[in-house]
Amino acid sequence: MGIFSKKKEEKPVDNTPARQKMIMENLTDPDKAVGYADSLLKGIPLCLGFGELDIDEANKIIAFLSGVVYAVDGVAKKLNDNAFLFARKEEFLDGSLNEFLNNFK
């Protein structure tokens, strides 16, 4: 044990299926993107629709959230022309998001 050893932080285990924690919204306000990034960092998957936004605004938000997903080792899946799923890879482990994707098709 060194002089500068860190205490291990114990994180509470959340056994709620990822699909039940998922945020599903149609975006109308581009200023909410940062709040969605915080949700991704907390392990909450996002299913977001971009149909009501200007194309430039939608592309900026998709690029921003894709960067966040990349930083947390996650994935961004295109569901259709106007909707995307953003989640960390950890949230796919319980199978509920894969089930959601299969049912969405």
C-alpha atoms as a PDB file:
ATOM      1  CA  MET A   1       0.000   0.000   0.000  1.00  0.00           C
ATOM      2  CA  GLY A   2       1.446   3.312  -1.092  1.00  0.00           C
ATOM      3  CA  ILE A   3       1.254   6.645   0.563  1.00  0.00           C
ATOM      4  CA  PHE A   4      -1.050   8.006  -2.116  1.00  0.00           C
ATOM      5  CA  SER A   5      -3.383   5.075  -2.668  1.00  0.00           C
ATOM      6  CA  LYS A   6      -6.949   5.853  -3.621  1.00  0.00           C
ATOM      7  CA  LYS A   7      -9.997   4.529  -1.893  1.00  0.00           C
ATOM      8  CA  LYS A   8     -12.139   2.426  -4.132  1.00  0.00           C
ATOM      9  CA  GLU A   9     -15.471   4.071  -4.693  1.00  0.00           C
ATOM     10  CA  GLU A  10     -18.376   1.721  -4.489  1.00  0.00           C
ATOM     11  CA  LYS A  11     -21.096   2.556  -6.944  1.00  0.00           C
ATOM     12  CA  PRO A  12     -24.615   1.411  -6.230  1.00  0.00           C
ATOM     13  CA  VAL A  13     -25.747  -1.293  -8.616  1.00  0.00           C
ATOM     14  CA  ASP A  14     -28.778  -0.371 -10.694  1.00  0.00           C
ATOM     15  CA  ASN A  15     -30.435  -3.508 -12.030  1.00  0.00           C
ATOM     16  CA  THR A  16     -33.191  -1.609 -13.849  1.00  0.00           C
ATOM     17  CA  PRO A  17     -33.271  -2.693 -17.507  1.00  0.00           C
ATOM     18  CA  ALA A  18     -31.771  -0.027 -19.750  1.00  0.00           C
ATOM     19  CA  ARG A  19     -34.948   0.141 -21.807  1.00  0.00           C
ATOM     20  CA  GLN A  20     -36.946   1.245 -18.749  1.00  0.00           C
ATOM     21  CA  LYS A  21     -34.480   4.073 -18.006  1.00  0.00           C
ATOM     22  CA  MET A  22     -34.409   5.293 -21.611  1.00  0.00           C
ATOM     23  CA  ILE A  23     -35.370   8.869 -22.460  1.00  0.00           C
ATOM     24  CA  MET A  24     -37.601   9.019 -25.542  1.00  0.00           C
ATOM     25  CA  GLU A  25     -38.301  12.497 -26.898  1.00  0.00           C
ATOM     26  CA  ASN A  26     -38.805  14.500 -30.054  1.00  0.00           C
ATOM     27  CA  LEU A  27     -36.399  17.407 -29.818  1.00  0.00           C
ATOM     28  CA  THR A  28     -37.790  20.882 -30.253  1.00  0.00           C
ATOM     29  CA  ASP A  29     -35.159  22.846 -28.310  1.00  0.00           C
ATOM     30  CA  PRO A  30     -31.520  22.484 -29.427  1.00  0.00           C
ATOM     31  CA  ASP A  31     -30.329  23.957 -26.120  1.00  0.00           C
ATOM     32  CA  LYS A  32     -31.234  20.707 -24.328  1.00  0.00           C
ATOM     33  CA  ALA A  33     -28.289  18.847 -25.914  1.00  0.00           C
ATOM     34  CA  VAL A  34     -25.997  19.366 -22.927  1.00  0.00           C
ATOM     35  CA  GLY A  35     -28.612  17.918 -20.574  1.00  0.00           C
ATOM     36  CA  TYR A  36     -28.880  14.863 -22.803  1.00  0.00           C
ATOM     37  CA  ALA A  37     -25.101  14.496 -22.684  1.00  0.00           C
ATOM     38  CA  ASP A  38     -25.300  14.433 -18.886  1.00  0.00           C
ATOM     39  CA  SER A  39     -27.924  11.689 -19.107  1.00  0.00           C
ATOM     40  CA  LEU A  40     -25.650   9.622 -21.357  1.00  0.00           C
ATOM     41  CA  LEU A  41     -22.790  10.022 -18.894  1.00  0.00           C
ATOM     42  CA  LYS A  42     -25.082   8.673 -16.150  1.00  0.00           C
ATOM     43  CA  GLY A  43     -25.882   5.600 -18.247  1.00  0.00           C
ATOM     44  CA  ILE A  44     -29.329   6.607 -19.444  1.00  0.00           C
ATOM     45  CA  PRO A  45     -29.921   5.669 -23.089  1.00  0.00           C
ATOM     46  CA  LEU A  46     -31.485   8.256 -25.384  1.00  0.00           C
ATOM     47  CA  CYS A  47     -33.952   7.710 -28.191  1.00  0.00           C
ATOM     48  CA  LEU A  48     -34.279  11.107 -29.819  1.00  0.00           C
ATOM     49  CA  GLY A  49     -36.324  12.319 -32.755  1.00  0.00           C
ATOM     50  CA  PHE A  50     -34.982  15.237 -34.782  1.00  0.00           C
ATOM     51  CA  GLY A  51     -37.857  15.767 -37.240  1.00  0.00           C
ATOM     52  CA  GLU A  52     -39.007  19.069 -35.744  1.00  0.00           C
ATOM     53  CA  LEU A  53     -35.560  20.716 -35.844  1.00  0.00           C
ATOM     54  CA  ASP A  54     -33.820  22.546 -38.641  1.00  0.00           C
ATOM     55  CA  ILE A  55     -31.431  20.196 -40.478  1.00  0.00           C
ATOM     56  CA  ASP A  56     -28.353  22.190 -39.408  1.00  0.00           C
ATOM     57  CA  GLU A  57     -29.420  22.180 -35.750  1.00  0.00           C
ATOM     58  CA  ALA A  58     -30.181  18.456 -35.876  1.00  0.00           C
ATOM     59  CA  ASN A  59     -26.799  17.680 -37.448  1.00  0.00           C
ATOM     60  CA  LYS A  60     -24.971  19.708 -34.791  1.00  0.00           C
ATOM     61  CA  ILE A  61     -26.754  17.893 -31.963  1.00  0.00           C
ATOM     62  CA  ILE A  62     -26.207  14.483 -33.561  1.00  0.00           C
ATOM     63  CA  ALA A  63     -22.502  15.270 -33.982  1.00  0.00           C
ATOM     64  CA  PHE A  64     -22.241  16.504 -30.389  1.00  0.00           C
ATOM     65  CA  LEU A  65     -24.011  13.470 -28.900  1.00  0.00           C
ATOM     66  CA  SER A  66     -22.015  11.135 -31.158  1.00  0.00           C
ATOM     67  CA  GLY A  67     -18.855  12.643 -29.666  1.00  0.00           C
ATOM     68  CA  VAL A  68     -20.167  12.062 -26.160  1.00  0.00           C
ATOM     69  CA  VAL A  69     -21.063   8.480 -27.060  1.00  0.00           C
ATOM     70  CA  TYR A  70     -17.584   7.930 -28.492  1.00  0.00           C
ATOM     71  CA  ALA A  71     -15.995   9.300 -25.304  1.00  0.00           C
ATOM     72  CA  VAL A  72     -17.943   6.857 -23.105  1.00  0.00           C
ATOM     73  CA  ASP A  73     -17.361   3.887 -25.438  1.00  0.00           C
ATOM     74  CA  GLY A  74     -20.918   3.746 -26.669  1.00  0.00           C
ATOM     75  CA  VAL A  75     -22.866   3.552 -29.894  1.00  0.00           C
ATOM     76  CA  ALA A  76     -25.191   5.734 -31.914  1.00  0.00           C
ATOM     77  CA  LYS A  77     -27.733   3.790 -33.971  1.00  0.00           C
ATOM     78  CA  LYS A  78     -29.883   5.345 -36.664  1.00  0.00           C
ATOM     79  CA  LEU A  79     -33.460   4.176 -36.207  1.00  0.00           C
ATOM     80  CA  ASN A  80     -34.954   6.013 -39.187  1.00  0.00           C
ATOM     81  CA  ASP A  81     -34.426   9.278 -41.069  1.00  0.00           C
ATOM     82  CA  ASN A  82     -35.366  11.371 -38.032  1.00  0.00           C
ATOM     83  CA  ALA A  83     -34.514   9.271 -34.969  1.00  0.00           C
ATOM     84  CA  PHE A  84     -31.365   7.951 -33.324  1.00  0.00           C
ATOM     85  CA  LEU A  85     -30.533   5.799 -30.310  1.00  0.00           C
ATOM     86  CA  PHE A  86     -27.505   6.864 -28.232  1.00  0.00           C
ATOM     87  CA  ALA A  87     -26.226   4.602 -25.453  1.00  0.00           C
ATOM     88  CA  ARG A  88     -23.117   3.274 -23.764  1.00  0.00           C
ATOM     89  CA  LYS A  89     -22.185  -0.286 -24.668  1.00  0.00           C
ATOM     90  CA  GLU A  90     -22.828  -1.274 -21.043  1.00  0.00           C
ATOM     91  CA  GLU A  91     -26.526  -0.549 -21.506  1.00  0.00           C
ATOM     92  CA  PHE A  92     -26.748  -3.196 -24.225  1.00  0.00           C
ATOM     93  CA  LEU A  93     -25.567  -5.984 -21.887  1.00  0.00           C
ATOM     94  CA  ASP A  94     -28.978  -6.728 -20.378  1.00  0.00           C
ATOM     95  CA  GLY A  95     -30.495  -7.235 -23.843  1.00  0.00           C
ATOM     96  CA  SER A  96     -33.379  -4.808 -23.418  1.00  0.00           C
ATOM     97  CA  LEU A  97     -31.977  -2.260 -25.885  1.00  0.00           C
ATOM     98  CA  ASN A  98     -31.329  -4.973 -28.453  1.00  0.00           C
ATOM     99  CA  GLU A  99     -34.935  -6.064 -28.002  1.00  0.00           C
ATOM    100  CA  PHE A 100     -36.042  -2.446 -28.499  1.00  0.00           C
ATOM    101  CA  LEU A 101     -34.013  -2.204 -31.721  1.00  0.00           C
ATOM    102  CA  ASN A 102     -35.468  -5.465 -33.034  1.00  0.00           C
ATOM    103  CA  ASN A 103     -39.013  -4.336 -32.262  1.00  0.00           C
ATOM    104  CA  PHE A 104     -38.409  -0.908 -33.794  1.00  0.00           C
ATOM    105  CA  LYS A 105     -37.637  -2.339 -37.252  1.00  0.00           C
END
